[in-house]
Amino acid sequence: MNELARQLSCLVTQSASSVAQAAAAWKSKGNRVYPIHLGDINIQTTPHIVETTDRALADGYQGDCPRLGMPQLRKAPSEDIDGSRGISYSRNAWL
C-alpha cells in the first residue's frame, strides 16, 4: 500500500444519520445544538462575525482566495489530522 493510500485509510467518515444521532444525544443532555446543515441555516449571524467581515472587506480582503485556499485556514485541519489520527498530513500534500 503506498503512503497516500495508507494515510487516506486512516481518515474517518461518518454518515449524516450517525452525526444526527450524536447531536440528538448531546441535546438530550441539555446542551445546545446548532442545526447547521444543508438547507437549514436559520440562525442569525452573530455581531462579532458581522464586524470581522466588515473589517476584512474594508482591509481589502475581497475577491477570490488563492486556488488552494488560504494557508492559515489549511493549517488547522492538517494539524488536527496529524494529532488526532496519527498520520502525517502536510497542508501542501495536494499541490
PDB file of N, CA and C in Angstrom:
ATOM      1  N   MET A   1       0.863  -1.175   0.000  1.00  0.00           N
ATOM      2  CA  MET A   1       0.000   0.000   0.000  1.00  0.00           C
ATOM      3  C   MET A   1       0.907   1.235   0.000  1.00  0.00           C
ATOM      4  N   ASN A   2       0.667   2.135  -0.949  1.00  0.00           N
ATOM      5  CA  ASN A   2       1.506   3.330  -0.966  1.00  0.00           C
ATOM      6  C   ASN A   2       1.147   4.241   0.208  1.00  0.00           C
ATOM      7  N   GLU A   3       2.004   5.192   0.474  1.00  0.00           N
ATOM      8  CA  GLU A   3       1.854   6.055   1.658  1.00  0.00           C
ATOM      9  C   GLU A   3       0.556   6.853   1.631  1.00  0.00           C
ATOM     10  N   LEU A   4       0.191   7.414   0.492  1.00  0.00           N
ATOM     11  CA  LEU A   4      -1.045   8.186   0.416  1.00  0.00           C
ATOM     12  C   LEU A   4      -2.252   7.299   0.713  1.00  0.00           C
ATOM     13  N   ALA A   5      -2.290   6.114   0.135  1.00  0.00           N
ATOM     14  CA  ALA A   5      -3.405   5.193   0.385  1.00  0.00           C
ATOM     15  C   ALA A   5      -3.465   4.814   1.859  1.00  0.00           C
ATOM     16  N   ARG A   6      -2.313   4.592   2.488  1.00  0.00           N
ATOM     17  CA  ARG A   6      -2.294   4.256   3.906  1.00  0.00           C
ATOM     18  C   ARG A   6      -2.852   5.400   4.734  1.00  0.00           C
ATOM     19  N   GLN A   7      -2.435   6.624   4.423  1.00  0.00           N
ATOM     20  CA  GLN A   7      -2.913   7.774   5.179  1.00  0.00           C
ATOM     21  C   GLN A   7      -4.405   7.993   4.971  1.00  0.00           C
ATOM     22  N   LEU A   8      -4.874   7.837   3.736  1.00  0.00           N
ATOM     23  CA  LEU A   8      -6.300   8.002   3.471  1.00  0.00           C
ATOM     24  C   LEU A   8      -7.141   6.966   4.202  1.00  0.00           C
ATOM     25  N   SER A   9      -6.585   5.779   4.395  1.00  0.00           N
ATOM     26  CA  SER A   9      -7.340   4.736   5.099  1.00  0.00           C
ATOM     27  C   SER A   9      -7.527   5.079   6.575  1.00  0.00           C
ATOM     28  N   CYS A  10      -6.744   6.014   7.100  1.00  0.00           N
ATOM     29  CA  CYS A  10      -6.868   6.432   8.497  1.00  0.00           C
ATOM     30  C   CYS A  10      -7.956   7.473   8.709  1.00  0.00           C
ATOM     31  N   LEU A  11      -8.421   8.088   7.625  1.00  0.00           N
ATOM     32  CA  LEU A  11      -9.447   9.110   7.763  1.00  0.00           C
ATOM     33  C   LEU A  11     -10.774   8.454   8.130  1.00  0.00           C
ATOM     34  N   VAL A  12     -11.475   9.100   9.009  1.00  0.00           N
ATOM     35  CA  VAL A  12     -12.752   8.560   9.476  1.00  0.00           C
ATOM     36  C   VAL A  12     -13.883   9.338   8.827  1.00  0.00           C
ATOM     37  N   THR A  13     -14.886   8.628   8.351  1.00  0.00           N
ATOM     38  CA  THR A  13     -16.070   9.286   7.813  1.00  0.00           C
ATOM     39  C   THR A  13     -17.267   8.874   8.651  1.00  0.00           C
ATOM     40  N   GLN A  14     -18.240   9.734   8.697  1.00  0.00           N
ATOM     41  CA  GLN A  14     -19.463   9.432   9.420  1.00  0.00           C
ATOM     42  C   GLN A  14     -20.640   9.742   8.514  1.00  0.00           C
ATOM     43  N   SER A  15     -21.670   8.938   8.627  1.00  0.00           N
ATOM     44  CA  SER A  15     -22.855   9.213   7.829  1.00  0.00           C
ATOM     45  C   SER A  15     -23.654  10.319   8.506  1.00  0.00           C
ATOM     46  N   ALA A  16     -24.494  10.959   7.730  1.00  0.00           N
ATOM     47  CA  ALA A  16     -25.318  12.038   8.269  1.00  0.00           C
ATOM     48  C   ALA A  16     -26.202  11.533   9.403  1.00  0.00           C
ATOM     49  N   SER A  17     -26.684  10.300   9.302  1.00  0.00           N
ATOM     50  CA  SER A  17     -27.566   9.792  10.349  1.00  0.00           C
ATOM     51  C   SER A  17     -26.825   9.580  11.661  1.00  0.00           C
ATOM     52  N   SER A  18     -25.565   9.130  11.603  1.00  0.00           N
ATOM     53  CA  SER A  18     -24.829   8.946  12.857  1.00  0.00           C
ATOM     54  C   SER A  18     -24.498  10.288  13.497  1.00  0.00           C
ATOM     55  N   VAL A  19     -24.236  11.297  12.673  1.00  0.00           N
ATOM     56  CA  VAL A  19     -23.990  12.638  13.214  1.00  0.00           C
ATOM     57  C   VAL A  19     -25.277  13.178  13.838  1.00  0.00           C
ATOM     58  N   ALA A  20     -26.404  12.977  13.167  1.00  0.00           N
ATOM     59  CA  ALA A  20     -27.691  13.436  13.700  1.00  0.00           C
ATOM     60  C   ALA A  20     -28.018  12.740  15.022  1.00  0.00           C
ATOM     61  N   GLN A  21     -27.723  11.460  15.127  1.00  0.00           N
ATOM     62  CA  GLN A  21     -27.967  10.731  16.376  1.00  0.00           C
ATOM     63  C   GLN A  21     -27.089  11.263  17.502  1.00  0.00           C
ATOM     64  N   ALA A  22     -25.836  11.534  17.201  1.00  0.00           N
ATOM     65  CA  ALA A  22     -24.930  12.073  18.215  1.00  0.00           C
ATOM     66  C   ALA A  22     -25.390  13.454  18.658  1.00  0.00           C
ATOM     67  N   ALA A  23     -25.855  14.267  17.729  1.00  0.00           N
ATOM     68  CA  ALA A  23     -26.349  15.607  18.066  1.00  0.00           C
ATOM     69  C   ALA A  23     -27.597  15.514  18.938  1.00  0.00           C
ATOM     70  N   ALA A  24     -28.483  14.587  18.624  1.00  0.00           N
ATOM     71  CA  ALA A  24     -29.697  14.411  19.423  1.00  0.00           C
ATOM     72  C   ALA A  24     -29.354  13.966  20.844  1.00  0.00           C
ATOM     73  N   ALA A  25     -28.386  13.074  20.969  1.00  0.00           N
ATOM     74  CA  ALA A  25     -27.967  12.620  22.298  1.00  0.00           C
ATOM     75  C   ALA A  25     -27.355  13.770  23.086  1.00  0.00           C
ATOM     76  N   TRP A  26     -26.547  14.577  22.445  1.00  0.00           N
ATOM     77  CA  TRP A  26     -25.929  15.740  23.088  1.00  0.00           C
ATOM     78  C   TRP A  26     -27.005  16.724  23.549  1.00  0.00           C
ATOM     79  N   LYS A  27     -28.002  16.971  22.680  1.00  0.00           N
ATOM     80  CA  LYS A  27     -29.098  17.894  23.008  1.00  0.00           C
ATOM     81  C   LYS A  27     -29.944  17.357  24.159  1.00  0.00           C
ATOM     82  N   SER A  28     -30.150  16.045  24.196  1.00  0.00           N
ATOM     83  CA  SER A  28     -30.969  15.446  25.258  1.00  0.00           C
ATOM     84  C   SER A  28     -30.333  15.603  26.637  1.00  0.00           C
ATOM     85  N   LYS A  29     -29.036  15.881  26.668  1.00  0.00           N
ATOM     86  CA  LYS A  29     -28.331  16.097  27.934  1.00  0.00           C
ATOM     87  C   LYS A  29     -28.346  17.563  28.338  1.00  0.00           C
ATOM     88  N   GLY A  30     -29.137  18.369  27.617  1.00  0.00           N
ATOM     89  CA  GLY A  30     -29.276  19.772  27.968  1.00  0.00           C
ATOM     90  C   GLY A  30     -28.312  20.707  27.260  1.00  0.00           C
ATOM     91  N   ASN A  31     -27.531  20.180  26.341  1.00  0.00           N
ATOM     92  CA  ASN A  31     -26.585  21.017  25.595  1.00  0.00           C
ATOM     93  C   ASN A  31     -27.286  21.661  24.402  1.00  0.00           C
ATOM     94  N   ARG A  32     -26.757  22.797  23.974  1.00  0.00           N
ATOM     95  CA  ARG A  32     -27.328  23.490  22.834  1.00  0.00           C
ATOM     96  C   ARG A  32     -26.736  22.933  21.542  1.00  0.00           C
ATOM     97  N   VAL A  33     -27.574  22.670  20.585  1.00  0.00           N
ATOM     98  CA  VAL A  33     -27.155  22.153  19.289  1.00  0.00           C
ATOM     99  C   VAL A  33     -27.602  23.146  18.220  1.00  0.00           C
ATOM    100  N   TYR A  34     -26.667  23.559  17.396  1.00  0.00           N
ATOM    101  CA  TYR A  34     -26.983  24.466  16.298  1.00  0.00           C
ATOM    102  C   TYR A  34     -27.218  23.641  15.040  1.00  0.00           C
ATOM    103  N   PRO A  35     -28.397  23.754  14.451  1.00  0.00           N
ATOM    104  CA  PRO A  35     -28.724  22.946  13.265  1.00  0.00           C
ATOM    105  C   PRO A  35     -28.127  23.539  11.999  1.00  0.00           C
ATOM    106  N   ILE A  36     -26.825  23.385  11.852  1.00  0.00           N
ATOM    107  CA  ILE A  36     -26.158  23.933  10.676  1.00  0.00           C
ATOM    108  C   ILE A  36     -25.865  22.782   9.722  1.00  0.00           C
ATOM    109  N   HIS A  37     -26.721  22.597   8.793  1.00  0.00           N
ATOM    110  CA  HIS A  37     -26.525  21.595   7.765  1.00  0.00           C
ATOM    111  C   HIS A  37     -27.209  22.087   6.496  1.00  0.00           C
ATOM    112  N   LEU A  38     -27.006  21.407   5.425  1.00  0.00           N
ATOM    113  CA  LEU A  38     -27.522  21.875   4.145  1.00  0.00           C
ATOM    114  C   LEU A  38     -29.018  22.146   4.206  1.00  0.00           C
ATOM    115  N   GLY A  39     -29.384  23.324   3.765  1.00  0.00           N
ATOM    116  CA  GLY A  39     -30.790  23.659   3.666  1.00  0.00           C
ATOM    117  C   GLY A  39     -31.440  24.113   4.956  1.00  0.00           C
ATOM    118  N   ASP A  40     -30.690  24.233   6.040  1.00  0.00           N
ATOM    119  CA  ASP A  40     -31.308  24.609   7.307  1.00  0.00           C
ATOM    120  C   ASP A  40     -30.377  25.515   8.112  1.00  0.00           C
ATOM    121  N   ILE A  41     -30.142  26.690   7.595  1.00  0.00           N
ATOM    122  CA  ILE A  41     -29.290  27.620   8.314  1.00  0.00           C
ATOM    123  C   ILE A  41     -30.155  28.832   8.675  1.00  0.00           C
ATOM    124  N   ASN A  42     -30.901  28.699   9.735  1.00  0.00           N
ATOM    125  CA  ASN A  42     -31.831  29.736  10.153  1.00  0.00           C
ATOM    126  C   ASN A  42     -31.413  30.386  11.455  1.00  0.00           C
ATOM    127  N   ILE A  43     -30.128  30.627  11.614  1.00  0.00           N
ATOM    128  CA  ILE A  43     -29.681  31.335  12.806  1.00  0.00           C
ATOM    129  C   ILE A  43     -29.049  32.648  12.364  1.00  0.00           C
ATOM    130  N   GLN A  44     -29.231  33.656  13.176  1.00  0.00           N
ATOM    131  CA  GLN A  44     -28.716  34.978  12.849  1.00  0.00           C
ATOM    132  C   GLN A  44     -27.194  35.001  13.010  1.00  0.00           C
ATOM    133  N   THR A  45     -26.530  35.680  12.089  1.00  0.00           N
ATOM    134  CA  THR A  45     -25.080  35.831  12.190  1.00  0.00           C
ATOM    135  C   THR A  45     -24.775  36.702  13.399  1.00  0.00           C
ATOM    136  N   THR A  46     -23.853  36.238  14.233  1.00  0.00           N
ATOM    137  CA  THR A  46     -23.534  36.969  15.457  1.00  0.00           C
ATOM    138  C   THR A  46     -22.812  38.269  15.126  1.00  0.00           C
ATOM    139  N   PRO A  47     -22.986  39.285  15.977  1.00  0.00           N
ATOM    140  CA  PRO A  47     -22.388  40.596  15.699  1.00  0.00           C
ATOM    141  C   PRO A  47     -20.876  40.560  15.484  1.00  0.00           C
ATOM    142  N   HIS A  48     -20.153  39.726  16.242  1.00  0.00           N
ATOM    143  CA  HIS A  48     -18.701  39.727  16.051  1.00  0.00           C
ATOM    144  C   HIS A  48     -18.295  39.186  14.681  1.00  0.00           C
ATOM    145  N   ILE A  49     -19.081  38.297  14.112  1.00  0.00           N
ATOM    146  CA  ILE A  49     -18.803  37.797  12.766  1.00  0.00           C
ATOM    147  C   ILE A  49     -19.074  38.898  11.737  1.00  0.00           C
ATOM    148  N   VAL A  50     -20.170  39.622  11.917  1.00  0.00           N
ATOM    149  CA  VAL A  50     -20.501  40.727  11.010  1.00  0.00           C
ATOM    150  C   VAL A  50     -19.408  41.789  11.066  1.00  0.00           C
ATOM    151  N   GLU A  51     -18.980  42.146  12.276  1.00  0.00           N
ATOM    152  CA  GLU A  51     -17.943  43.167  12.443  1.00  0.00           C
ATOM    153  C   GLU A  51     -16.614  42.714  11.822  1.00  0.00           C
ATOM    154  N   THR A  52     -16.255  41.463  12.046  1.00  0.00           N
ATOM    155  CA  THR A  52     -14.998  40.936  11.492  1.00  0.00           C
ATOM    156  C   THR A  52     -15.056  40.910   9.971  1.00  0.00           C
ATOM    157  N   THR A  53     -16.189  40.529   9.422  1.00  0.00           N
ATOM    158  CA  THR A  53     -16.363  40.514   7.968  1.00  0.00           C
ATOM    159  C   THR A  53     -16.260  41.920   7.402  1.00  0.00           C
ATOM    160  N   ASP A  54     -16.938  42.866   8.040  1.00  0.00           N
ATOM    161  CA  ASP A  54     -16.871  44.260   7.586  1.00  0.00           C
ATOM    162  C   ASP A  54     -15.431  44.769   7.613  1.00  0.00           C
ATOM    163  N   ARG A  55     -14.710  44.460   8.691  1.00  0.00           N
ATOM    164  CA  ARG A  55     -13.323  44.904   8.818  1.00  0.00           C
ATOM    165  C   ARG A  55     -12.445  44.278   7.728  1.00  0.00           C
ATOM    166  N   ALA A  56     -12.635  42.987   7.470  1.00  0.00           N
ATOM    167  CA  ALA A  56     -11.844  42.308   6.448  1.00  0.00           C
ATOM    168  C   ALA A  56     -12.112  42.902   5.068  1.00  0.00           C
ATOM    169  N   LEU A  57     -13.362  43.192   4.777  1.00  0.00           N
ATOM    170  CA  LEU A  57     -13.687  43.798   3.490  1.00  0.00           C
ATOM    171  C   LEU A  57     -13.054  45.179   3.365  1.00  0.00           C
ATOM    172  N   ALA A  58     -13.126  45.973   4.448  1.00  0.00           N
ATOM    173  CA  ALA A  58     -12.523  47.311   4.445  1.00  0.00           C
ATOM    174  C   ALA A  58     -11.004  47.231   4.302  1.00  0.00           C
ATOM    175  N   ASP A  59     -10.397  46.158   4.817  1.00  0.00           N
ATOM    176  CA  ASP A  59      -8.947  45.988   4.740  1.00  0.00           C
ATOM    177  C   ASP A  59      -8.483  45.391   3.409  1.00  0.00           C
ATOM    178  N   GLY A  60      -9.418  45.162   2.503  1.00  0.00           N
ATOM    179  CA  GLY A  60      -9.032  44.712   1.169  1.00  0.00           C
ATOM    180  C   GLY A  60      -9.159  43.229   0.904  1.00  0.00           C
ATOM    181  N   TYR A  61      -9.680  42.478   1.849  1.00  0.00           N
ATOM    182  CA  TYR A  61      -9.870  41.037   1.619  1.00  0.00           C
ATOM    183  C   TYR A  61     -11.149  40.853   0.816  1.00  0.00           C
ATOM    184  N   GLN A  62     -11.015  41.014  -0.497  1.00  0.00           N
ATOM    185  CA  GLN A  62     -12.155  40.915  -1.391  1.00  0.00           C
ATOM    186  C   GLN A  62     -11.775  40.049  -2.576  1.00  0.00           C
ATOM    187  N   GLY A  63     -12.759  39.471  -3.201  1.00  0.00           N
ATOM    188  CA  GLY A  63     -12.494  38.630  -4.361  1.00  0.00           C
ATOM    189  C   GLY A  63     -12.201  37.195  -3.954  1.00  0.00           C
ATOM    190  N   ASP A  64     -11.684  36.448  -4.890  1.00  0.00           N
ATOM    191  CA  ASP A  64     -11.412  35.035  -4.654  1.00  0.00           C
ATOM    192  C   ASP A  64     -10.159  34.838  -3.808  1.00  0.00           C
ATOM    193  N   CYS A  65     -10.153  33.763  -3.053  1.00  0.00           N
ATOM    194  CA  CYS A  65      -8.957  33.396  -2.299  1.00  0.00           C
ATOM    195  C   CYS A  65      -8.030  32.612  -3.235  1.00  0.00           C
ATOM    196  N   PRO A  66      -6.812  32.327  -2.803  1.00  0.00           N
ATOM    197  CA  PRO A  66      -5.909  31.536  -3.647  1.00  0.00           C
ATOM    198  C   PRO A  66      -6.549  30.200  -4.043  1.00  0.00           C
ATOM    199  N   ARG A  67      -6.144  29.677  -5.168  1.00  0.00           N
ATOM    200  CA  ARG A  67      -6.724  28.444  -5.718  1.00  0.00           C
ATOM    201  C   ARG A  67      -6.749  27.306  -4.707  1.00  0.00           C
ATOM    202  N   LEU A  68      -5.709  27.159  -3.914  1.00  0.00           N
ATOM    203  CA  LEU A  68      -5.645  26.069  -2.942  1.00  0.00           C
ATOM    204  C   LEU A  68      -6.149  26.467  -1.560  1.00  0.00           C
ATOM    205  N   GLY A  69      -6.741  27.629  -1.448  1.00  0.00           N
ATOM    206  CA  GLY A  69      -7.257  28.067  -0.157  1.00  0.00           C
ATOM    207  C   GLY A  69      -6.260  28.941   0.578  1.00  0.00           C
ATOM    208  N   MET A  70      -6.712  29.497   1.682  1.00  0.00           N
ATOM    209  CA  MET A  70      -5.874  30.383   2.476  1.00  0.00           C
ATOM    210  C   MET A  70      -4.970  29.540   3.376  1.00  0.00           C
ATOM    211  N   PRO A  71      -3.658  29.784   3.334  1.00  0.00           N
ATOM    212  CA  PRO A  71      -2.719  28.958   4.105  1.00  0.00           C
ATOM    213  C   PRO A  71      -3.077  28.856   5.592  1.00  0.00           C
ATOM    214  N   GLN A  72      -3.500  29.967   6.206  1.00  0.00           N
ATOM    215  CA  GLN A  72      -3.810  29.916   7.630  1.00  0.00           C
ATOM    216  C   GLN A  72      -5.051  29.062   7.913  1.00  0.00           C
ATOM    217  N   LEU A  73      -5.939  28.921   6.938  1.00  0.00           N
ATOM    218  CA  LEU A  73      -7.112  28.069   7.128  1.00  0.00           C
ATOM    219  C   LEU A  73      -6.831  26.616   6.763  1.00  0.00           C
ATOM    220  N   ARG A  74      -5.776  26.365   6.018  1.00  0.00           N
ATOM    221  CA  ARG A  74      -5.377  24.991   5.691  1.00  0.00           C
ATOM    222  C   ARG A  74      -4.577  24.374   6.827  1.00  0.00           C
ATOM    223  N   LYS A  75      -3.957  25.217   7.630  1.00  0.00           N
ATOM    224  CA  LYS A  75      -3.063  24.743   8.687  1.00  0.00           C
ATOM    225  C   LYS A  75      -3.817  23.999   9.797  1.00  0.00           C
ATOM    226  N   ALA A  76      -4.939  24.549  10.254  1.00  0.00           N
ATOM    227  CA  ALA A  76      -5.657  23.951  11.383  1.00  0.00           C
ATOM    228  C   ALA A  76      -6.119  22.519  11.110  1.00  0.00           C
ATOM    229  N   PRO A  77      -6.774  22.237   9.976  1.00  0.00           N
ATOM    230  CA  PRO A  77      -7.180  20.843   9.737  1.00  0.00           C
ATOM    231  C   PRO A  77      -5.995  19.886   9.630  1.00  0.00           C
ATOM    232  N   SER A  78      -4.895  20.350   9.009  1.00  0.00           N
ATOM    233  CA  SER A  78      -3.747  19.448   8.881  1.00  0.00           C
ATOM    234  C   SER A  78      -3.160  19.137  10.249  1.00  0.00           C
ATOM    235  N   GLU A  79      -3.111  20.129  11.138  1.00  0.00           N
ATOM    236  CA  GLU A  79      -2.610  19.880  12.493  1.00  0.00           C
ATOM    237  C   GLU A  79      -3.553  18.957  13.264  1.00  0.00           C
ATOM    238  N   ASP A  80      -4.864  19.128  13.060  1.00  0.00           N
ATOM    239  CA  ASP A  80      -5.833  18.264  13.741  1.00  0.00           C
ATOM    240  C   ASP A  80      -5.686  16.820  13.270  1.00  0.00           C
ATOM    241  N   ILE A  81      -5.551  16.634  11.969  1.00  0.00           N
ATOM    242  CA  ILE A  81      -5.395  15.282  11.435  1.00  0.00           C
ATOM    243  C   ILE A  81      -4.105  14.662  11.959  1.00  0.00           C
ATOM    244  N   ASP A  82      -3.026  15.445  11.959  1.00  0.00           N
ATOM    245  CA  ASP A  82      -1.752  14.942  12.488  1.00  0.00           C
ATOM    246  C   ASP A  82      -1.913  14.465  13.919  1.00  0.00           C
ATOM    247  N   GLY A  83      -2.560  15.290  14.760  1.00  0.00           N
ATOM    248  CA  GLY A  83      -2.649  14.979  16.182  1.00  0.00           C
ATOM    249  C   GLY A  83      -3.681  13.929  16.541  1.00  0.00           C
ATOM    250  N   SER A  84      -4.815  13.934  15.866  1.00  0.00           N
ATOM    251  CA  SER A  84      -5.899  13.045  16.282  1.00  0.00           C
ATOM    252  C   SER A  84      -5.929  11.706  15.568  1.00  0.00           C
ATOM    253  N   ARG A  85      -5.265  11.610  14.432  1.00  0.00           N
ATOM    254  CA  ARG A  85      -5.363  10.371  13.664  1.00  0.00           C
ATOM    255  C   ARG A  85      -4.026   9.670  13.488  1.00  0.00           C
ATOM    256  N   GLY A  86      -2.967  10.272  14.010  1.00  0.00           N
ATOM    257  CA  GLY A  86      -1.666   9.622  13.963  1.00  0.00           C
ATOM    258  C   GLY A  86      -1.062   9.473  12.586  1.00  0.00           C
ATOM    259  N   ILE A  87      -1.414  10.374  11.694  1.00  0.00           N
ATOM    260  CA  ILE A  87      -0.807  10.331  10.368  1.00  0.00           C
ATOM    261  C   ILE A  87      -0.135  11.665  10.095  1.00  0.00           C
ATOM    262  N   SER A  88       0.791  11.648   9.199  1.00  0.00           N
ATOM    263  CA  SER A  88       1.481  12.875   8.837  1.00  0.00           C
ATOM    264  C   SER A  88       0.810  13.442   7.599  1.00  0.00           C
ATOM    265  N   TYR A  89       0.159  14.575   7.774  1.00  0.00           N
ATOM    266  CA  TYR A  89      -0.569  15.199   6.677  1.00  0.00           C
ATOM    267  C   TYR A  89      -0.043  16.613   6.506  1.00  0.00           C
ATOM    268  N   SER A  90       0.554  16.877   5.396  1.00  0.00           N
ATOM    269  CA  SER A  90       1.050  18.220   5.098  1.00  0.00           C
ATOM    270  C   SER A  90      -0.033  19.007   4.407  1.00  0.00           C
ATOM    271  N   ARG A  91      -0.220  20.259   4.833  1.00  0.00           N
ATOM    272  CA  ARG A  91      -1.229  21.071   4.162  1.00  0.00           C
ATOM    273  C   ARG A  91      -0.831  21.347   2.720  1.00  0.00           C
ATOM    274  N   ASN A  92       0.389  20.986   2.360  1.00  0.00           N
ATOM    275  CA  ASN A  92       0.839  21.155   0.985  1.00  0.00           C
ATOM    276  C   ASN A  92       0.809  19.840   0.217  1.00  0.00           C
ATOM    277  N   ALA A  93       0.243  18.799   0.816  1.00  0.00           N
ATOM    278  CA  ALA A  93       0.259  17.468   0.195  1.00  0.00           C
ATOM    279  C   ALA A  93      -0.447  17.418  -1.152  1.00  0.00           C
ATOM    280  N   TRP A  94      -1.391  18.309  -1.384  1.00  0.00           N
ATOM    281  CA  TRP A  94      -2.186  18.230  -2.606  1.00  0.00           C
ATOM    282  C   TRP A  94      -1.722  19.216  -3.658  1.00  0.00           C
ATOM    283  N   LEU A  95      -0.510  19.773  -3.504  1.00  0.00           N
ATOM    284  CA  LEU A  95       0.000  20.714  -4.502  1.00  0.00           C
ATOM    285  C   LEU A  95       0.356  20.008  -5.782  1.00  0.00           C
TER     286      LEU A  95
END
